[in-house]
PDB file of N, CA and C in Angstrom:
ATOM      1  N   MET A   1      27.324  28.770   9.441  1.00  0.00           N
ATOM      2  CA  MET A   1      27.414  28.191   8.448  1.00  0.00           C
ATOM      3  C   MET A   1      27.371  26.932   7.716  1.00  0.00           C
ATOM      4  N   GLN A   2      28.541  26.115   8.296  1.00  0.00           N
ATOM      5  CA  GLN A   2      28.748  24.641   8.179  1.00  0.00           C
ATOM      6  C   GLN A   2      27.097  24.246   8.887  1.00  0.00           C
ATOM      7  N   ARG A   3      26.776  23.953   9.983  1.00  0.00           N
ATOM      8  CA  ARG A   3      25.437  23.246  10.716  1.00  0.00           C
ATOM      9  C   ARG A   3      23.914  23.640   9.551  1.00  0.00           C
ATOM     10  N   PHE A   4      23.788  25.402   9.063  1.00  0.00           N
ATOM     11  CA  PHE A   4      22.998  25.190   8.079  1.00  0.00           C
ATOM     12  C   PHE A   4      22.941  24.551   6.999  1.00  0.00           C
ATOM     13  N   ALA A   5      24.392  24.323   6.113  1.00  0.00           N
ATOM     14  CA  ALA A   5      24.338  23.270   5.112  1.00  0.00           C
ATOM     15  C   ALA A   5      24.547  21.790   5.435  1.00  0.00           C
ATOM     16  N   LEU A   6      24.750  21.297   6.529  1.00  0.00           N
ATOM     17  CA  LEU A   6      24.735  20.044   7.232  1.00  0.00           C
ATOM     18  C   LEU A   6      23.260  19.684   7.317  1.00  0.00           C
ATOM     19  N   ALA A   7      22.723  21.031   7.973  1.00  0.00           N
ATOM     20  CA  ALA A   7      21.117  20.417   7.803  1.00  0.00           C
ATOM     21  C   ALA A   7      20.260  20.506   6.684  1.00  0.00           C
ATOM     22  N   ALA A   8      20.465  21.269   5.413  1.00  0.00           N
ATOM     23  CA  ALA A   8      20.097  20.862   4.374  1.00  0.00           C
ATOM     24  C   ALA A   8      20.110  20.069   3.906  1.00  0.00           C
ATOM     25  N   LEU A   9      21.605  19.880   3.924  1.00  0.00           N
ATOM     26  CA  LEU A   9      21.739  18.356   3.173  1.00  0.00           C
ATOM     27  C   LEU A   9      20.936  17.072   3.889  1.00  0.00           C
ATOM     28  N   CYS A  10      21.002  17.096   4.801  1.00  0.00           N
ATOM     29  CA  CYS A  10      20.187  15.930   5.808  1.00  0.00           C
ATOM     30  C   CYS A  10      18.442  16.087   5.069  1.00  0.00           C
ATOM     31  N   ALA A  11      18.379  17.175   5.245  1.00  0.00           N
ATOM     32  CA  ALA A  11      16.837  17.418   4.501  1.00  0.00           C
ATOM     33  C   ALA A  11      16.579  17.110   2.980  1.00  0.00           C
ATOM     34  N   LEU A  12      17.524  17.076   2.239  1.00  0.00           N
ATOM     35  CA  LEU A  12      17.716  17.050   1.138  1.00  0.00           C
ATOM     36  C   LEU A  12      17.673  15.360   0.785  1.00  0.00           C
ATOM     37  N   LEU A  13      18.260  14.796   1.612  1.00  0.00           N
ATOM     38  CA  LEU A  13      18.648  13.232   1.961  1.00  0.00           C
ATOM     39  C   LEU A  13      17.253  12.713   2.376  1.00  0.00           C
ATOM     40  N   SER A  14      16.630  13.258   2.913  1.00  0.00           N
ATOM     41  CA  SER A  14      15.414  12.487   3.883  1.00  0.00           C
ATOM     42  C   SER A  14      14.631  12.528   3.022  1.00  0.00           C
ATOM     43  N   ALA A  15      14.514  13.899   1.951  1.00  0.00           N
ATOM     44  CA  ALA A  15      13.297  14.024   1.087  1.00  0.00           C
ATOM     45  C   ALA A  15      13.623  13.142  -0.382  1.00  0.00           C
ATOM     46  N   THR A  16      14.792  12.793  -0.850  1.00  0.00           N
ATOM     47  CA  THR A  16      14.932  11.812  -1.671  1.00  0.00           C
ATOM     48  C   THR A  16      14.943  10.504  -1.247  1.00  0.00           C
ATOM     49  N   ALA A  17      15.180   9.912  -0.183  1.00  0.00           N
ATOM     50  CA  ALA A  17      14.768   8.876   0.449  1.00  0.00           C
ATOM     51  C   ALA A  17      13.213   8.441   0.380  1.00  0.00           C
ATOM     52  N   ALA A  18      12.649   9.828   1.006  1.00  0.00           N
ATOM     53  CA  ALA A  18      10.855   9.655   0.925  1.00  0.00           C
ATOM     54  C   ALA A  18      10.200   8.994  -0.435  1.00  0.00           C
ATOM     55  N   LEU A  19      10.742   9.742  -1.503  1.00  0.00           N
ATOM     56  CA  LEU A  19      10.498   9.976  -2.893  1.00  0.00           C
ATOM     57  C   LEU A  19      10.848   8.013  -3.390  1.00  0.00           C
ATOM     58  N   ALA A  20      11.934   8.133  -3.223  1.00  0.00           N
ATOM     59  CA  ALA A  20      12.085   6.577  -3.410  1.00  0.00           C
ATOM     60  C   ALA A  20      11.607   5.665  -2.742  1.00  0.00           C
ATOM     61  N   SER A  21      10.929   5.655  -2.064  1.00  0.00           N
ATOM     62  CA  SER A  21       9.884   4.701  -1.569  1.00  0.00           C
ATOM     63  C   SER A  21       8.674   4.338  -2.157  1.00  0.00           C
ATOM     64  N   VAL A  22       8.375   5.943  -2.875  1.00  0.00           N
ATOM     65  CA  VAL A  22       7.038   5.781  -3.258  1.00  0.00           C
ATOM     66  C   VAL A  22       7.156   5.175  -5.376  1.00  0.00           C
ATOM     67  N   PRO A  23       6.475   4.110  -5.640  1.00  0.00           N
ATOM     68  CA  PRO A  23       6.662   3.842  -6.647  1.00  0.00           C
ATOM     69  C   PRO A  23       6.347   4.756  -8.044  1.00  0.00           C
ATOM     70  N   ARG A  24       7.350   4.292  -9.029  1.00  0.00           N
ATOM     71  CA  ARG A  24       7.061   5.249  -9.801  1.00  0.00           C
ATOM     72  C   ARG A  24       6.011   6.099 -10.275  1.00  0.00           C
ATOM     73  N   ASN A  25       5.222   5.369 -10.343  1.00  0.00           N
ATOM     74  CA  ASN A  25       3.328   5.752 -11.060  1.00  0.00           C
ATOM     75  C   ASN A  25       2.848   6.370 -10.039  1.00  0.00           C
ATOM     76  N   GLY A  26       2.948   6.568  -8.385  1.00  0.00           N
ATOM     77  CA  GLY A  26       2.681   6.936  -7.647  1.00  0.00           C
ATOM     78  C   GLY A  26       1.836   5.987  -6.645  1.00  0.00           C
ATOM     79  N   PRO A  27       1.423   6.060  -5.509  1.00  0.00           N
ATOM     80  CA  PRO A  27       0.785   5.231  -4.719  1.00  0.00           C
ATOM     81  C   PRO A  27      -0.247   4.528  -5.401  1.00  0.00           C
ATOM     82  N   VAL A  28      -0.272   3.152  -5.752  1.00  0.00           N
ATOM     83  CA  VAL A  28      -1.535   2.556  -6.894  1.00  0.00           C
ATOM     84  C   VAL A  28      -2.726   1.785  -5.476  1.00  0.00           C
ATOM     85  N   PHE A  29      -3.828   2.353  -5.992  1.00  0.00           N
ATOM     86  CA  PHE A  29      -5.040   1.974  -5.020  1.00  0.00           C
ATOM     87  C   PHE A  29      -6.467   2.161  -5.604  1.00  0.00           C
ATOM     88  N   SER A  30      -7.265   0.949  -6.004  1.00  0.00           N
ATOM     89  CA  SER A  30      -8.386   1.011  -6.569  1.00  0.00           C
ATOM     90  C   SER A  30      -9.226  -0.345  -6.260  1.00  0.00           C
ATOM     91  N   ALA A  31     -10.425   0.001  -5.707  1.00  0.00           N
ATOM     92  CA  ALA A  31     -11.006  -1.255  -5.491  1.00  0.00           C
ATOM     93  C   ALA A  31     -12.556  -1.030  -6.252  1.00  0.00           C
ATOM     94  N   HIS A  32     -12.926  -2.409  -6.996  1.00  0.00           N
ATOM     95  CA  HIS A  32     -14.414  -2.650  -7.142  1.00  0.00           C
ATOM     96  C   HIS A  32     -15.248  -3.965  -6.549  1.00  0.00           C
ATOM     97  N   VAL A  33     -15.065  -3.593  -5.674  1.00  0.00           N
ATOM     98  CA  VAL A  33     -15.553  -4.726  -4.686  1.00  0.00           C
ATOM     99  C   VAL A  33     -16.879  -4.439  -3.644  1.00  0.00           C
ATOM    100  N   LYS A  34     -17.677  -6.206  -3.515  1.00  0.00           N
ATOM    101  CA  LYS A  34     -18.673  -5.727  -2.961  1.00  0.00           C
ATOM    102  C   LYS A  34     -18.206  -6.214  -0.702  1.00  0.00           C
ATOM    103  N   LEU A  35     -18.469  -4.614  -0.342  1.00  0.00           N
ATOM    104  CA  LEU A  35     -18.194  -4.734   1.509  1.00  0.00           C
ATOM    105  C   LEU A  35     -19.470  -4.949   2.444  1.00  0.00           C
ATOM    106  N   ALA A  36     -19.088  -6.250   3.287  1.00  0.00           N
ATOM    107  CA  ALA A  36     -19.902  -6.193   3.842  1.00  0.00           C
ATOM    108  C   ALA A  36     -20.176  -4.801   5.208  1.00  0.00           C
ATOM    109  N   PRO A  37     -21.082  -4.665   6.134  1.00  0.00           N
ATOM    110  CA  PRO A  37     -20.823  -3.417   6.878  1.00  0.00           C
ATOM    111  C   PRO A  37     -19.776  -3.864   7.799  1.00  0.00           C
ATOM    112  N   GLY A  38     -18.969  -2.836   8.186  1.00  0.00           N
ATOM    113  CA  GLY A  38     -17.965  -3.215   9.103  1.00  0.00           C
ATOM    114  C   GLY A  38     -16.495  -3.518   8.359  1.00  0.00           C
ATOM    115  N   HIS A  39     -16.596  -4.006   7.121  1.00  0.00           N
ATOM    116  CA  HIS A  39     -15.276  -4.549   6.124  1.00  0.00           C
ATOM    117  C   HIS A  39     -14.724  -3.467   5.509  1.00  0.00           C
ATOM    118  N   TYR A  40     -13.057  -3.578   5.346  1.00  0.00           N
ATOM    119  CA  TYR A  40     -12.406  -2.825   4.687  1.00  0.00           C
ATOM    120  C   TYR A  40     -11.310  -3.296   3.832  1.00  0.00           C
ATOM    121  N   ILE A  41     -10.839  -2.884   2.736  1.00  0.00           N
ATOM    122  CA  ILE A  41      -9.714  -2.961   2.187  1.00  0.00           C
ATOM    123  C   ILE A  41      -8.382  -3.185   2.967  1.00  0.00           C
ATOM    124  N   ASP A  42      -7.744  -4.057   3.029  1.00  0.00           N
ATOM    125  CA  ASP A  42      -6.492  -3.677   3.386  1.00  0.00           C
ATOM    126  C   ASP A  42      -5.357  -3.262   2.148  1.00  0.00           C
ATOM    127  N   ARG A  43      -4.906  -2.158   2.523  1.00  0.00           N
ATOM    128  CA  ARG A  43      -4.479  -1.262   1.285  1.00  0.00           C
ATOM    129  C   ARG A  43      -2.729  -2.229   0.668  1.00  0.00           C
ATOM    130  N   ASP A  44      -2.146  -2.655   1.829  1.00  0.00           N
ATOM    131  CA  ASP A  44      -0.938  -3.339   1.843  1.00  0.00           C
ATOM    132  C   ASP A  44      -1.622  -4.825   0.993  1.00  0.00           C
ATOM    133  N   THR A  45      -2.235  -5.725   1.284  1.00  0.00           N
ATOM    134  CA  THR A  45      -2.484  -6.779   0.743  1.00  0.00           C
ATOM    135  C   THR A  45      -3.587  -6.975  -0.425  1.00  0.00           C
ATOM    136  N   GLY A  46      -4.556  -6.123  -0.251  1.00  0.00           N
ATOM    137  CA  GLY A  46      -5.847  -6.093  -1.039  1.00  0.00           C
ATOM    138  C   GLY A  46      -6.639  -7.334  -0.658  1.00  0.00           C
ATOM    139  N   LEU A  47      -6.802  -7.606   0.497  1.00  0.00           N
ATOM    140  CA  LEU A  47      -7.698  -8.274   1.124  1.00  0.00           C
ATOM    141  C   LEU A  47      -8.966  -7.642   1.837  1.00  0.00           C
ATOM    142  N   ASP A  48     -10.282  -8.231   2.259  1.00  0.00           N
ATOM    143  CA  ASP A  48     -11.339  -7.775   2.722  1.00  0.00           C
ATOM    144  C   ASP A  48     -10.990  -7.983   3.794  1.00  0.00           C
ATOM    145  N   CYS A  49     -10.932  -7.255   5.165  1.00  0.00           N
ATOM    146  CA  CYS A  49     -10.349  -7.542   6.121  1.00  0.00           C
ATOM    147  C   CYS A  49     -11.924  -6.702   6.942  1.00  0.00           C
ATOM    148  N   GLU A  50     -11.788  -7.318   8.391  1.00  0.00           N
ATOM    149  CA  GLU A  50     -12.836  -7.231   9.506  1.00  0.00           C
ATOM    150  C   GLU A  50     -12.413  -6.832  10.619  1.00  0.00           C
ATOM    151  N   ASP A  51     -12.196  -6.003  11.405  1.00  0.00           N
ATOM    152  CA  ASP A  51     -11.743  -6.339  12.588  1.00  0.00           C
ATOM    153  C   ASP A  51     -12.866  -6.904  13.800  1.00  0.00           C
ATOM    154  N   ALA A  52     -12.306  -7.809  14.518  1.00  0.00           N
ATOM    155  CA  ALA A  52     -13.015  -8.538  15.641  1.00  0.00           C
ATOM    156  C   ALA A  52     -12.275  -8.260  16.807  1.00  0.00           C
ATOM    157  N   GLY A  53     -12.588  -7.115  17.445  1.00  0.00           N
ATOM    158  CA  GLY A  53     -11.852  -7.440  18.580  1.00  0.00           C
ATOM    159  C   GLY A  53     -10.541  -6.819  18.714  1.00  0.00           C
ATOM    160  N   ALA A  54      -9.432  -7.997  19.059  1.00  0.00           N
ATOM    161  CA  ALA A  54      -7.970  -7.799  19.104  1.00  0.00           C
ATOM    162  C   ALA A  54      -7.142  -8.469  17.729  1.00  0.00           C
ATOM    163  N   LEU A  55      -8.393  -8.894  17.265  1.00  0.00           N
ATOM    164  CA  LEU A  55      -8.278  -9.685  15.908  1.00  0.00           C
ATOM    165  C   LEU A  55      -8.730  -9.086  14.588  1.00  0.00           C
ATOM    166  N   THR A  56      -7.953  -9.420  14.007  1.00  0.00           N
ATOM    167  CA  THR A  56      -8.858  -9.044  12.715  1.00  0.00           C
ATOM    168  C   THR A  56      -8.477  -9.932  11.308  1.00  0.00           C
ATOM    169  N   ALA A  57      -9.996 -10.321  10.899  1.00  0.00           N
ATOM    170  CA  ALA A  57      -9.758 -11.546  10.219  1.00  0.00           C
ATOM    171  C   ALA A  57      -9.941 -11.037   8.639  1.00  0.00           C
ATOM    172  N   CYS A  58      -9.075 -11.503   7.722  1.00  0.00           N
ATOM    173  CA  CYS A  58      -9.356 -11.529   6.288  1.00  0.00           C
ATOM    174  C   CYS A  58      -9.223 -12.563   5.444  1.00  0.00           C
ATOM    175  N   GLN A  59     -10.194 -11.815   3.993  1.00  0.00           N
ATOM    176  CA  GLN A  59     -10.193 -12.769   2.854  1.00  0.00           C
ATOM    177  C   GLN A  59     -10.071 -12.272   1.999  1.00  0.00           C
ATOM    178  N   PRO A  60     -10.153 -13.083   0.851  1.00  0.00           N
ATOM    179  CA  PRO A  60     -10.159 -12.689  -0.788  1.00  0.00           C
ATOM    180  C   PRO A  60     -11.342 -11.727  -1.115  1.00  0.00           C
ATOM    181  N   PRO A  61     -11.576 -10.807  -1.477  1.00  0.00           N
ATOM    182  CA  PRO A  61     -12.573  -9.681  -1.849  1.00  0.00           C
ATOM    183  C   PRO A  61     -13.280 -10.508  -2.746  1.00  0.00           C
ATOM    184  N   ASP A  62     -14.571 -10.069  -2.640  1.00  0.00           N
ATOM    185  CA  ASP A  62     -15.289 -10.141  -3.538  1.00  0.00           C
ATOM    186  C   ASP A  62     -15.583  -9.161  -4.922  1.00  0.00           C
ATOM    187  N   GLY A  63     -14.419  -9.524  -5.891  1.00  0.00           N
ATOM    188  CA  GLY A  63     -14.451  -8.047  -7.316  1.00  0.00           C
ATOM    189  C   GLY A  63     -12.749  -8.005  -7.238  1.00  0.00           C
ATOM    190  N   THR A  64     -12.498  -6.867  -7.611  1.00  0.00           N
ATOM    191  CA  THR A  64     -11.195  -7.035  -8.262  1.00  0.00           C
ATOM    192  C   THR A  64     -10.615  -5.139  -7.385  1.00  0.00           C
ATOM    193  N   VAL A  65      -9.346  -5.466  -6.856  1.00  0.00           N
ATOM    194  CA  VAL A  65      -8.566  -4.673  -5.963  1.00  0.00           C
ATOM    195  C   VAL A  65      -7.079  -4.421  -6.672  1.00  0.00           C
ATOM    196  N   ARG A  66      -6.911  -3.240  -6.757  1.00  0.00           N
ATOM    197  CA  ARG A  66      -5.328  -2.767  -7.301  1.00  0.00           C
ATOM    198  C   ARG A  66      -4.871  -1.716  -6.540  1.00  0.00           C
ATOM    199  N   TYR A  67      -3.742  -2.635  -5.415  1.00  0.00           N
ATOM    200  CA  TYR A  67      -2.812  -1.924  -4.745  1.00  0.00           C
ATOM    201  C   TYR A  67      -1.474  -1.877  -5.230  1.00  0.00           C
ATOM    202  N   PHE A  68      -0.820  -1.417  -4.026  1.00  0.00           N
ATOM    203  CA  PHE A  68       0.943  -1.241  -4.117  1.00  0.00           C
ATOM    204  C   PHE A  68       1.458  -2.049  -2.874  1.00  0.00           C
ATOM    205  N   ASP A  69       2.004  -3.581  -3.221  1.00  0.00           N
ATOM    206  CA  ASP A  69       2.378  -3.960  -2.242  1.00  0.00           C
ATOM    207  C   ASP A  69       4.083  -3.764  -1.753  1.00  0.00           C
ATOM    208  N   PRO A  70       3.847  -2.878  -0.472  1.00  0.00           N
ATOM    209  CA  PRO A  70       5.271  -2.711  -0.288  1.00  0.00           C
ATOM    210  C   PRO A  70       6.166  -3.572   0.301  1.00  0.00           C
ATOM    211  N   ALA A  71       5.956  -5.143   0.704  1.00  0.00           N
ATOM    212  CA  ALA A  71       6.893  -6.550   0.876  1.00  0.00           C
ATOM    213  C   ALA A  71       7.308  -6.514  -0.542  1.00  0.00           C
ATOM    214  N   GLN A  72       6.933  -6.356  -1.949  1.00  0.00           N
ATOM    215  CA  GLN A  72       7.261  -6.680  -2.810  1.00  0.00           C
ATOM    216  C   GLN A  72       7.802  -5.580  -3.768  1.00  0.00           C
ATOM    217  N   GLY A  73       7.489  -4.735  -3.217  1.00  0.00           N
ATOM    218  CA  GLY A  73       7.768  -3.255  -3.937  1.00  0.00           C
ATOM    219  C   GLY A  73       7.084  -3.192  -5.413  1.00  0.00           C
ATOM    220  N   ALA A  74       5.602  -3.677  -5.639  1.00  0.00           N
ATOM    221  CA  ALA A  74       5.162  -3.545  -6.936  1.00  0.00           C
ATOM    222  C   ALA A  74       3.994  -3.440  -6.746  1.00  0.00           C
ATOM    223  N   ALA A  75       3.323  -3.443  -8.008  1.00  0.00           N
ATOM    224  CA  ALA A  75       1.686  -2.889  -8.069  1.00  0.00           C
ATOM    225  C   ALA A  75       1.393  -4.103  -8.413  1.00  0.00           C
ATOM    226  N   CYS A  76       0.186  -4.774  -7.581  1.00  0.00           N
ATOM    227  CA  CYS A  76      -0.423  -5.867  -7.984  1.00  0.00           C
ATOM    228  C   CYS A  76      -1.833  -5.865  -7.891  1.00  0.00           C
ATOM    229  N   THR A  77      -2.622  -6.370  -8.460  1.00  0.00           N
ATOM    230  CA  THR A  77      -4.211  -6.494  -8.738  1.00  0.00           C
ATOM    231  C   THR A  77      -4.712  -7.872  -7.938  1.00  0.00           C
ATOM    232  N   ARG A  78      -5.657  -7.656  -7.308  1.00  0.00           N
ATOM    233  CA  ARG A  78      -5.995  -9.083  -7.003  1.00  0.00           C
ATOM    234  C   ARG A  78      -7.629  -9.253  -7.274  1.00  0.00           C
ATOM    235  N   ALA A  79      -7.872 -10.424  -7.925  1.00  0.00           N
ATOM    236  CA  ALA A  79      -9.340 -11.004  -8.064  1.00  0.00           C
ATOM    237  C   ALA A  79      -9.343 -12.049  -7.372  1.00  0.00           C
ATOM    238  N   GLY A  80     -10.407 -11.958  -6.500  1.00  0.00           N
ATOM    239  CA  GLY A  80      -9.937 -12.886  -5.282  1.00  0.00           C
ATOM    240  C   GLY A  80      -9.411 -13.595  -5.014  1.00  0.00           C
ATOM    241  N   ALA A  81      -8.929 -14.591  -5.428  1.00  0.00           N
ATOM    242  CA  ALA A  81      -7.488 -15.711  -4.269  1.00  0.00           C
ATOM    243  C   ALA A  81      -6.522 -15.248  -5.528  1.00  0.00           C
ATOM    244  N   ALA A  82      -6.758 -15.043  -6.670  1.00  0.00           N
ATOM    245  CA  ALA A  82      -5.820 -14.773  -7.413  1.00  0.00           C
ATOM    246  C   ALA A  82      -4.552 -13.285  -7.374  1.00  0.00           C
ATOM    247  N   VAL A  83      -3.856 -13.334  -7.552  1.00  0.00           N
ATOM    248  CA  VAL A  83      -3.142 -12.261  -6.965  1.00  0.00           C
ATOM    249  C   VAL A  83      -1.839 -11.666  -8.343  1.00  0.00           C
ATOM    250  N   LEU A  84      -1.579 -11.048  -9.075  1.00  0.00           N
ATOM    251  CA  LEU A  84      -0.680 -10.873 -10.327  1.00  0.00           C
ATOM    252  C   LEU A  84       0.045  -9.510  -9.582  1.00  0.00           C
ATOM    253  N   CYS A  85       1.095  -9.354  -9.501  1.00  0.00           N
ATOM    254  CA  CYS A  85       2.112  -8.381  -9.646  1.00  0.00           C
ATOM    255  C   CYS A  85       3.130  -8.119 -10.409  1.00  0.00           C
ATOM    256  N   SER A  86       3.633  -7.029 -10.500  1.00  0.00           N
ATOM    257  CA  SER A  86       3.999  -6.268 -11.305  1.00  0.00           C
ATOM    258  C   SER A  86       5.054  -5.077 -11.127  1.00  0.00           C
ATOM    259  N   ASN A  87       6.701  -5.478 -11.038  1.00  0.00           N
ATOM    260  CA  ASN A  87       7.009  -3.988 -11.071  1.00  0.00           C
ATOM    261  C   ASN A  87       7.713  -3.165 -11.996  1.00  0.00           C
TER     262      ASN A  87
END
């Protein structure tokens, strides 16, 4: 019985920790940009990226991207090179 209670407590704590890492408003992402073929928007930085073999080249997007920056723990809006984040 004690093992079951301990396992249930561990599961509850893991679920609580996972929920705490998601922003209050849920994951934020939207992009209104023009992308060249083979390009994508990086969901952590809002940059226009392209994989080039072993390297990834990124640049500011041509348009507006809303995303969640996990490093800052904040929702951000990127318009070209300008970024505004708030939590």
